[in-house]
């Protein structure tokens, strides 16, 4: 792919990460088995911020590394990297605001507030996946429309 076309393709992939409603998180269980499940999240500052609990949270506590990908198998965007559990809400105004703008609480109908997941306990929490490697392609045009890159 020509440099200008590759740059445009990368920008397209980043726009898809920002706009996505659902992100699939692939992690590894403590016993070494793969695990994948969807989460809500926001793409900000080169990272995917997401809240989760249960098996995903246990997996990330044991092995803090994951791959996130979007729903489509035809217009593929994946990002992988280390995952950090966010320990407190200080400085998270932009993240919380992005969640409120993007999602509605299914029970109350109010904008979704992600910050309470910090206090849920039992491994639940807010996590940040820092992009280490991106991979995107268009099925059916793989040779003409695919890119693999590191941030920067």
N, C-alpha and C. Protein backbone atom coordinates (compact mmCIF):
# COMPACT_ATOMS: atom_id res chain seq x y z
N UNK A 1 0.85 -1.17 0.00
CA UNK A 1 0.00 0.00 0.00
C UNK A 1 0.90 1.23 0.00
N UNK A 2 0.56 2.22 -0.80
CA UNK A 2 1.33 3.46 -0.85
C UNK A 2 1.23 4.19 0.49
N UNK A 3 2.28 4.94 0.85
CA UNK A 3 2.28 5.61 2.16
C UNK A 3 1.05 6.47 2.42
N UNK A 4 0.60 7.24 1.45
CA UNK A 4 -0.57 8.09 1.65
C UNK A 4 -1.83 7.25 1.87
N UNK A 5 -1.97 6.18 1.09
CA UNK A 5 -3.13 5.30 1.25
C UNK A 5 -3.07 4.58 2.59
N UNK A 6 -1.87 4.15 3.00
CA UNK A 6 -1.75 3.48 4.29
C UNK A 6 -2.09 4.42 5.43
N UNK A 7 -1.65 5.67 5.33
CA UNK A 7 -1.98 6.66 6.37
C UNK A 7 -3.50 6.84 6.47
N UNK A 8 -4.16 6.95 5.33
CA UNK A 8 -5.62 7.10 5.32
C UNK A 8 -6.29 5.87 5.90
N UNK A 9 -5.76 4.69 5.58
CA UNK A 9 -6.33 3.45 6.11
C UNK A 9 -6.17 3.39 7.63
N UNK A 10 -5.01 3.80 8.13
CA UNK A 10 -4.78 3.84 9.59
C UNK A 10 -5.75 4.81 10.26
N UNK A 11 -5.91 5.98 9.68
CA UNK A 11 -6.84 6.98 10.24
C UNK A 11 -8.27 6.44 10.25
N UNK A 12 -8.63 5.72 9.22
CA UNK A 12 -9.96 5.10 9.15
C UNK A 12 -10.14 4.10 10.28
N UNK A 13 -9.12 3.28 10.51
CA UNK A 13 -9.18 2.29 11.59
C UNK A 13 -9.31 2.96 12.95
N UNK A 14 -8.57 4.03 13.18
CA UNK A 14 -8.66 4.75 14.45
C UNK A 14 -10.04 5.39 14.63
N UNK A 15 -10.62 5.89 13.54
CA UNK A 15 -11.98 6.44 13.60
C UNK A 15 -12.98 5.34 13.97
N UNK A 16 -12.78 4.14 13.45
CA UNK A 16 -13.66 3.02 13.80
C UNK A 16 -13.52 2.67 15.28
N UNK A 17 -12.30 2.72 15.81
CA UNK A 17 -12.11 2.45 17.23
C UNK A 17 -12.84 3.49 18.08
N UNK A 18 -12.80 4.73 17.67
CA UNK A 18 -13.49 5.79 18.42
C UNK A 18 -15.01 5.61 18.36
N UNK A 19 -15.53 5.21 17.21
CA UNK A 19 -16.97 5.14 17.00
C UNK A 19 -17.63 3.85 17.47
N UNK A 20 -16.87 2.80 17.66
CA UNK A 20 -17.45 1.48 17.97
C UNK A 20 -18.30 1.51 19.24
N UNK A 21 -19.35 0.75 19.22
CA UNK A 21 -20.19 0.60 20.43
C UNK A 21 -19.69 -0.55 21.29
N UNK A 22 -19.26 -1.63 20.65
CA UNK A 22 -18.85 -2.83 21.36
C UNK A 22 -17.42 -3.19 20.96
N UNK A 23 -16.64 -3.61 21.94
CA UNK A 23 -15.28 -4.07 21.73
C UNK A 23 -15.18 -5.47 22.30
N UNK A 24 -14.60 -6.38 21.54
CA UNK A 24 -14.38 -7.73 22.04
C UNK A 24 -12.98 -7.78 22.66
N UNK A 25 -12.93 -8.23 23.90
CA UNK A 25 -11.66 -8.35 24.63
C UNK A 25 -11.27 -9.82 24.67
N UNK A 26 -10.11 -10.13 24.14
CA UNK A 26 -9.57 -11.48 24.20
C UNK A 26 -8.46 -11.48 25.24
N UNK A 27 -8.63 -12.32 26.24
CA UNK A 27 -7.67 -12.42 27.33
C UNK A 27 -7.34 -13.90 27.55
N UNK A 28 -6.49 -14.14 28.53
CA UNK A 28 -6.07 -15.51 28.84
C UNK A 28 -6.46 -15.83 30.28
N UNK A 29 -7.10 -16.99 30.48
CA UNK A 29 -7.48 -17.38 31.83
C UNK A 29 -6.22 -17.74 32.63
N UNK A 30 -6.31 -17.75 33.96
CA UNK A 30 -5.15 -18.15 34.76
C UNK A 30 -4.61 -19.54 34.41
N UNK A 31 -5.47 -20.42 33.86
CA UNK A 31 -5.01 -21.76 33.46
C UNK A 31 -4.43 -21.78 32.05
N UNK A 32 -4.41 -20.61 31.37
CA UNK A 32 -3.82 -20.52 30.05
C UNK A 32 -4.78 -20.67 28.88
N UNK A 33 -6.06 -20.77 29.16
CA UNK A 33 -7.04 -20.93 28.09
C UNK A 33 -7.49 -19.56 27.57
N UNK A 34 -7.85 -19.48 26.29
CA UNK A 34 -8.32 -18.21 25.74
C UNK A 34 -9.73 -17.89 26.22
N UNK A 35 -10.03 -16.61 26.30
CA UNK A 35 -11.36 -16.14 26.69
C UNK A 35 -11.64 -14.86 25.94
N UNK A 36 -12.82 -14.74 25.35
CA UNK A 36 -13.20 -13.54 24.61
C UNK A 36 -14.62 -13.17 24.96
N UNK A 37 -14.86 -11.87 25.20
CA UNK A 37 -16.20 -11.40 25.55
C UNK A 37 -16.32 -9.92 25.21
N UNK A 38 -17.53 -9.45 24.92
CA UNK A 38 -17.72 -8.05 24.57
C UNK A 38 -17.78 -7.14 25.80
N UNK A 39 -17.36 -5.89 25.60
CA UNK A 39 -17.45 -4.86 26.64
C UNK A 39 -17.83 -3.54 25.98
N UNK A 40 -18.35 -2.61 26.79
CA UNK A 40 -18.48 -1.23 26.37
C UNK A 40 -17.17 -0.54 26.65
N UNK A 41 -16.80 0.42 25.83
CA UNK A 41 -15.57 1.14 26.07
C UNK A 41 -15.49 2.43 25.28
N UNK A 42 -14.44 3.18 25.56
CA UNK A 42 -14.17 4.41 24.81
C UNK A 42 -12.70 4.42 24.41
N UNK A 43 -12.44 4.90 23.21
CA UNK A 43 -11.08 5.03 22.71
C UNK A 43 -10.65 6.47 22.91
N UNK A 44 -9.69 6.70 23.81
CA UNK A 44 -9.17 8.03 24.11
C UNK A 44 -7.67 7.96 24.29
N UNK A 45 -6.97 8.95 23.74
CA UNK A 45 -5.53 9.10 23.98
C UNK A 45 -4.73 7.83 23.70
N UNK A 46 -5.07 7.15 22.62
CA UNK A 46 -4.31 5.96 22.23
C UNK A 46 -4.54 4.75 23.09
N UNK A 47 -5.67 4.73 23.81
CA UNK A 47 -5.97 3.60 24.70
C UNK A 47 -7.46 3.29 24.67
N UNK A 48 -7.79 2.03 24.93
CA UNK A 48 -9.17 1.60 25.09
C UNK A 48 -9.45 1.51 26.58
N UNK A 49 -10.41 2.29 27.03
CA UNK A 49 -10.86 2.29 28.43
C UNK A 49 -12.14 1.48 28.49
N UNK A 50 -12.23 0.52 29.39
CA UNK A 50 -13.43 -0.31 29.49
C UNK A 50 -13.63 -0.78 30.92
N UNK A 51 -14.87 -0.99 31.27
CA UNK A 51 -15.21 -1.54 32.57
C UNK A 51 -15.58 -3.00 32.41
N UNK A 52 -15.20 -3.80 33.40
CA UNK A 52 -15.57 -5.21 33.33
C UNK A 52 -15.50 -5.84 34.71
N UNK A 53 -16.01 -7.03 34.80
CA UNK A 53 -15.98 -7.81 36.03
C UNK A 53 -15.89 -9.28 35.66
N UNK A 54 -16.02 -10.16 36.62
CA UNK A 54 -16.08 -11.59 36.36
C UNK A 54 -14.81 -12.16 35.77
N UNK A 55 -14.99 -13.08 34.82
CA UNK A 55 -13.86 -13.81 34.26
C UNK A 55 -12.83 -12.90 33.59
N UNK A 56 -13.31 -11.89 32.84
CA UNK A 56 -12.36 -10.98 32.18
C UNK A 56 -11.47 -10.29 33.20
N UNK A 57 -12.06 -9.80 34.28
CA UNK A 57 -11.28 -9.12 35.31
C UNK A 57 -10.28 -10.07 35.97
N UNK A 58 -10.71 -11.31 36.23
CA UNK A 58 -9.79 -12.31 36.79
C UNK A 58 -8.63 -12.59 35.84
N UNK A 59 -8.96 -12.71 34.56
CA UNK A 59 -7.92 -12.97 33.56
C UNK A 59 -6.91 -11.83 33.52
N UNK A 60 -7.40 -10.60 33.51
CA UNK A 60 -6.51 -9.45 33.41
C UNK A 60 -5.68 -9.24 34.67
N UNK A 61 -6.20 -9.68 35.81
CA UNK A 61 -5.40 -9.63 37.05
C UNK A 61 -4.24 -10.61 36.97
N UNK A 62 -4.47 -11.77 36.37
CA UNK A 62 -3.44 -12.80 36.26
C UNK A 62 -2.45 -12.52 35.12
N UNK A 63 -2.98 -12.05 33.99
CA UNK A 63 -2.16 -11.75 32.81
C UNK A 63 -2.65 -10.42 32.25
N UNK A 64 -2.02 -9.32 32.62
CA UNK A 64 -2.51 -8.00 32.21
C UNK A 64 -2.13 -7.62 30.77
N UNK A 65 -2.66 -8.38 29.84
CA UNK A 65 -2.39 -8.16 28.42
C UNK A 65 -3.61 -8.67 27.66
N UNK A 66 -4.01 -7.97 26.61
CA UNK A 66 -5.21 -8.38 25.88
C UNK A 66 -5.15 -7.92 24.43
N UNK A 67 -6.06 -8.48 23.65
CA UNK A 67 -6.33 -8.04 22.29
C UNK A 67 -7.78 -7.58 22.28
N UNK A 68 -8.01 -6.42 21.67
CA UNK A 68 -9.38 -5.93 21.49
C UNK A 68 -9.65 -5.87 19.99
N UNK A 69 -10.86 -6.27 19.61
CA UNK A 69 -11.23 -6.15 18.20
C UNK A 69 -12.68 -5.74 18.09
N UNK A 70 -13.04 -5.23 16.94
CA UNK A 70 -14.40 -4.77 16.70
C UNK A 70 -15.24 -5.92 16.15
N UNK A 71 -16.52 -5.67 15.96
CA UNK A 71 -17.47 -6.73 15.58
C UNK A 71 -17.23 -7.34 14.22
N UNK A 72 -16.82 -6.55 13.24
CA UNK A 72 -16.79 -7.02 11.86
C UNK A 72 -15.64 -7.97 11.57
N UNK A 73 -15.95 -9.03 10.84
CA UNK A 73 -14.92 -9.92 10.33
C UNK A 73 -14.56 -9.58 8.89
N UNK A 74 -15.25 -8.59 8.31
CA UNK A 74 -14.98 -8.16 6.94
C UNK A 74 -14.20 -6.84 6.89
N UNK A 75 -14.39 -6.01 7.89
CA UNK A 75 -13.71 -4.72 8.01
C UNK A 75 -13.04 -4.74 9.37
N UNK A 76 -11.88 -5.37 9.44
CA UNK A 76 -11.25 -5.77 10.69
C UNK A 76 -10.37 -4.67 11.27
N UNK A 77 -10.54 -4.44 12.58
CA UNK A 77 -9.65 -3.56 13.34
C UNK A 77 -9.35 -4.26 14.65
N UNK A 78 -8.05 -4.46 14.93
CA UNK A 78 -7.62 -5.08 16.18
C UNK A 78 -6.51 -4.24 16.78
N UNK A 79 -6.44 -4.27 18.10
CA UNK A 79 -5.36 -3.59 18.82
C UNK A 79 -4.97 -4.49 19.99
N UNK A 80 -3.68 -4.56 20.24
CA UNK A 80 -3.23 -5.37 21.38
C UNK A 80 -2.26 -4.57 22.22
N UNK A 81 -2.18 -4.97 23.50
CA UNK A 81 -1.24 -4.30 24.37
C UNK A 81 -1.47 -4.62 25.82
N UNK A 82 -0.65 -4.02 26.68
CA UNK A 82 -0.78 -4.24 28.11
C UNK A 82 -2.03 -3.56 28.66
N UNK A 83 -2.58 -4.16 29.70
CA UNK A 83 -3.80 -3.65 30.32
C UNK A 83 -3.49 -3.28 31.77
N UNK A 84 -3.96 -2.11 32.17
CA UNK A 84 -3.78 -1.62 33.54
C UNK A 84 -5.14 -1.44 34.18
N UNK A 85 -5.27 -1.90 35.40
CA UNK A 85 -6.49 -1.63 36.17
C UNK A 85 -6.38 -0.23 36.75
N UNK A 86 -7.39 0.59 36.55
CA UNK A 86 -7.41 1.96 37.06
C UNK A 86 -7.84 1.90 38.52
N UNK A 87 -7.02 2.46 39.39
CA UNK A 87 -7.26 2.33 40.83
C UNK A 87 -8.11 3.42 41.45
N UNK A 88 -8.13 4.64 40.86
CA UNK A 88 -8.97 5.68 41.45
C UNK A 88 -9.51 6.58 40.34
N UNK A 89 -10.51 7.38 40.69
CA UNK A 89 -11.22 8.19 39.70
C UNK A 89 -10.56 9.54 39.43
N UNK A 90 -9.50 9.88 40.16
CA UNK A 90 -8.90 11.20 39.96
C UNK A 90 -8.36 11.34 38.54
N UNK A 91 -8.71 12.43 37.91
CA UNK A 91 -8.25 12.70 36.56
C UNK A 91 -9.01 11.96 35.47
N UNK A 92 -10.11 11.34 35.78
CA UNK A 92 -10.85 10.56 34.79
C UNK A 92 -12.09 11.28 34.25
N UNK A 93 -12.12 12.59 34.38
CA UNK A 93 -13.30 13.34 33.93
C UNK A 93 -13.58 13.13 32.44
N UNK A 94 -12.53 13.15 31.60
CA UNK A 94 -12.72 12.96 30.16
C UNK A 94 -13.24 11.57 29.85
N UNK A 95 -12.69 10.56 30.53
CA UNK A 95 -13.11 9.18 30.30
C UNK A 95 -14.57 9.01 30.70
N UNK A 96 -14.91 9.47 31.90
CA UNK A 96 -16.29 9.36 32.38
C UNK A 96 -17.25 10.12 31.47
N UNK A 97 -16.84 11.30 31.03
CA UNK A 97 -17.68 12.09 30.12
C UNK A 97 -17.89 11.39 28.79
N UNK A 98 -16.84 10.74 28.28
CA UNK A 98 -16.97 10.02 27.01
C UNK A 98 -17.94 8.85 27.15
N UNK A 99 -17.90 8.14 28.28
CA UNK A 99 -18.87 7.06 28.51
C UNK A 99 -20.28 7.61 28.58
N UNK A 100 -20.48 8.74 29.28
CA UNK A 100 -21.82 9.33 29.40
C UNK A 100 -22.36 9.77 28.04
N UNK A 101 -21.50 10.29 27.18
CA UNK A 101 -21.94 10.72 25.85
C UNK A 101 -22.28 9.54 24.95
N UNK A 102 -21.59 8.44 25.14
CA UNK A 102 -21.70 7.30 24.22
C UNK A 102 -22.79 6.30 24.58
N UNK A 103 -23.01 6.10 25.88
CA UNK A 103 -23.89 5.00 26.31
C UNK A 103 -25.01 5.48 27.21
N UNK A 104 -26.12 4.74 27.18
CA UNK A 104 -27.26 4.97 28.05
C UNK A 104 -27.44 3.74 28.93
N UNK A 105 -27.62 3.96 30.23
CA UNK A 105 -27.86 2.87 31.17
C UNK A 105 -29.16 2.17 30.78
N UNK A 106 -29.09 0.86 30.55
CA UNK A 106 -30.25 0.10 30.10
C UNK A 106 -31.38 0.01 31.11
N UNK A 107 -31.10 0.22 32.38
CA UNK A 107 -32.13 0.14 33.42
C UNK A 107 -32.77 1.49 33.67
N UNK A 108 -31.94 2.52 33.90
CA UNK A 108 -32.46 3.84 34.27
C UNK A 108 -32.76 4.74 33.08
N UNK A 109 -32.14 4.48 31.93
CA UNK A 109 -32.31 5.35 30.79
C UNK A 109 -31.44 6.61 30.86
N UNK A 110 -30.66 6.72 31.92
CA UNK A 110 -29.76 7.86 32.11
C UNK A 110 -28.43 7.60 31.42
N UNK A 111 -27.66 8.67 31.19
CA UNK A 111 -26.31 8.45 30.66
C UNK A 111 -25.54 7.49 31.56
N UNK A 112 -24.76 6.61 30.94
CA UNK A 112 -24.04 5.57 31.68
C UNK A 112 -22.86 6.17 32.43
N UNK A 113 -22.79 5.90 33.73
CA UNK A 113 -21.68 6.36 34.56
C UNK A 113 -20.75 5.18 34.82
N UNK A 114 -19.54 5.23 34.27
CA UNK A 114 -18.59 4.12 34.40
C UNK A 114 -17.86 4.14 35.74
N UNK A 115 -17.79 5.28 36.41
CA UNK A 115 -16.96 5.39 37.61
C UNK A 115 -17.37 4.46 38.76
N UNK A 116 -18.65 4.14 38.95
CA UNK A 116 -18.99 3.19 40.03
C UNK A 116 -18.33 1.82 39.90
N UNK A 117 -17.88 1.42 38.71
CA UNK A 117 -17.22 0.12 38.59
C UNK A 117 -15.91 0.10 39.37
N UNK A 118 -15.36 1.28 39.67
CA UNK A 118 -14.13 1.32 40.47
C UNK A 118 -14.35 0.81 41.88
N UNK A 119 -15.59 0.88 42.34
CA UNK A 119 -15.90 0.48 43.72
C UNK A 119 -16.72 -0.79 43.83
N UNK A 120 -16.90 -1.52 42.74
CA UNK A 120 -17.74 -2.71 42.77
C UNK A 120 -17.12 -3.86 43.53
N UNK A 121 -15.82 -3.91 43.64
CA UNK A 121 -15.16 -5.01 44.34
C UNK A 121 -15.16 -6.28 43.53
N UNK A 122 -14.69 -7.34 44.14
CA UNK A 122 -14.64 -8.68 43.53
C UNK A 122 -13.96 -8.68 42.16
N UNK A 123 -12.94 -7.84 42.01
CA UNK A 123 -12.18 -7.82 40.76
C UNK A 123 -12.73 -6.91 39.69
N UNK A 124 -13.97 -6.45 39.86
CA UNK A 124 -14.55 -5.56 38.86
C UNK A 124 -13.77 -4.26 38.84
N UNK A 125 -13.75 -3.61 37.70
CA UNK A 125 -13.06 -2.34 37.65
C UNK A 125 -13.03 -1.72 36.28
N UNK A 126 -12.38 -0.58 36.24
CA UNK A 126 -12.13 0.13 35.00
C UNK A 126 -10.72 -0.21 34.57
N UNK A 127 -10.56 -0.55 33.30
CA UNK A 127 -9.27 -0.97 32.78
C UNK A 127 -8.88 -0.11 31.58
N UNK A 128 -7.57 -0.03 31.32
CA UNK A 128 -7.05 0.71 30.17
C UNK A 128 -6.10 -0.20 29.39
N UNK A 129 -6.43 -0.44 28.12
CA UNK A 129 -5.55 -1.19 27.22
C UNK A 129 -4.76 -0.16 26.42
N UNK A 130 -3.45 -0.13 26.63
CA UNK A 130 -2.57 0.78 25.90
C UNK A 130 -2.12 0.12 24.61
N UNK A 131 -2.38 0.79 23.51
CA UNK A 131 -2.06 0.23 22.20
C UNK A 131 -0.57 -0.01 22.04
N UNK A 132 -0.24 -1.23 21.69
CA UNK A 132 1.14 -1.62 21.40
C UNK A 132 1.29 -1.98 19.92
N UNK A 133 0.21 -2.56 19.36
CA UNK A 133 0.22 -2.96 17.95
C UNK A 133 -1.20 -2.91 17.41
N UNK A 134 -1.36 -2.35 16.22
CA UNK A 134 -2.64 -2.30 15.51
C UNK A 134 -2.55 -3.21 14.30
N UNK A 135 -3.71 -3.75 13.91
CA UNK A 135 -3.80 -4.54 12.68
C UNK A 135 -5.19 -4.32 12.12
N UNK A 136 -5.26 -3.96 10.84
CA UNK A 136 -6.56 -3.72 10.20
C UNK A 136 -6.49 -4.21 8.77
N UNK A 137 -7.63 -4.70 8.27
CA UNK A 137 -7.71 -5.10 6.87
C UNK A 137 -9.15 -5.16 6.41
N UNK A 138 -9.32 -5.17 5.10
CA UNK A 138 -10.62 -5.35 4.48
C UNK A 138 -10.64 -6.73 3.84
N UNK A 139 -11.57 -7.56 4.26
CA UNK A 139 -11.70 -8.90 3.68
C UNK A 139 -12.07 -8.74 2.21
N UNK A 140 -11.48 -9.57 1.38
CA UNK A 140 -11.74 -9.48 -0.05
C UNK A 140 -10.80 -8.52 -0.76
N UNK A 141 -10.09 -7.71 0.00
CA UNK A 141 -9.12 -6.77 -0.59
C UNK A 141 -7.87 -6.75 0.29
N UNK A 142 -7.56 -7.90 0.88
CA UNK A 142 -6.49 -7.96 1.86
C UNK A 142 -5.17 -7.44 1.32
N UNK A 143 -4.81 -7.81 0.09
CA UNK A 143 -3.52 -7.38 -0.45
C UNK A 143 -3.47 -5.87 -0.68
N UNK A 144 -4.60 -5.26 -0.97
CA UNK A 144 -4.63 -3.82 -1.22
C UNK A 144 -4.96 -3.00 0.02
N UNK A 145 -5.64 -3.59 0.98
CA UNK A 145 -6.13 -2.81 2.12
C UNK A 145 -5.86 -3.55 3.42
N UNK A 146 -4.60 -3.51 3.84
CA UNK A 146 -4.27 -4.05 5.15
C UNK A 146 -3.07 -3.28 5.68
N UNK A 147 -3.03 -3.17 6.98
CA UNK A 147 -1.93 -2.44 7.62
C UNK A 147 -1.70 -3.00 9.01
N UNK A 148 -0.44 -3.00 9.39
CA UNK A 148 -0.02 -3.41 10.74
C UNK A 148 0.96 -2.35 11.18
N UNK A 149 0.70 -1.73 12.35
CA UNK A 149 1.58 -0.65 12.77
C UNK A 149 1.62 -0.52 14.29
N UNK A 150 2.66 0.13 14.74
CA UNK A 150 2.83 0.46 16.15
C UNK A 150 2.50 1.93 16.33
N UNK A 151 1.98 2.32 17.49
CA UNK A 151 1.65 3.73 17.70
C UNK A 151 2.89 4.62 17.60
N UNK A 152 2.63 5.85 17.27
CA UNK A 152 3.74 6.79 17.24
C UNK A 152 3.89 7.52 15.97
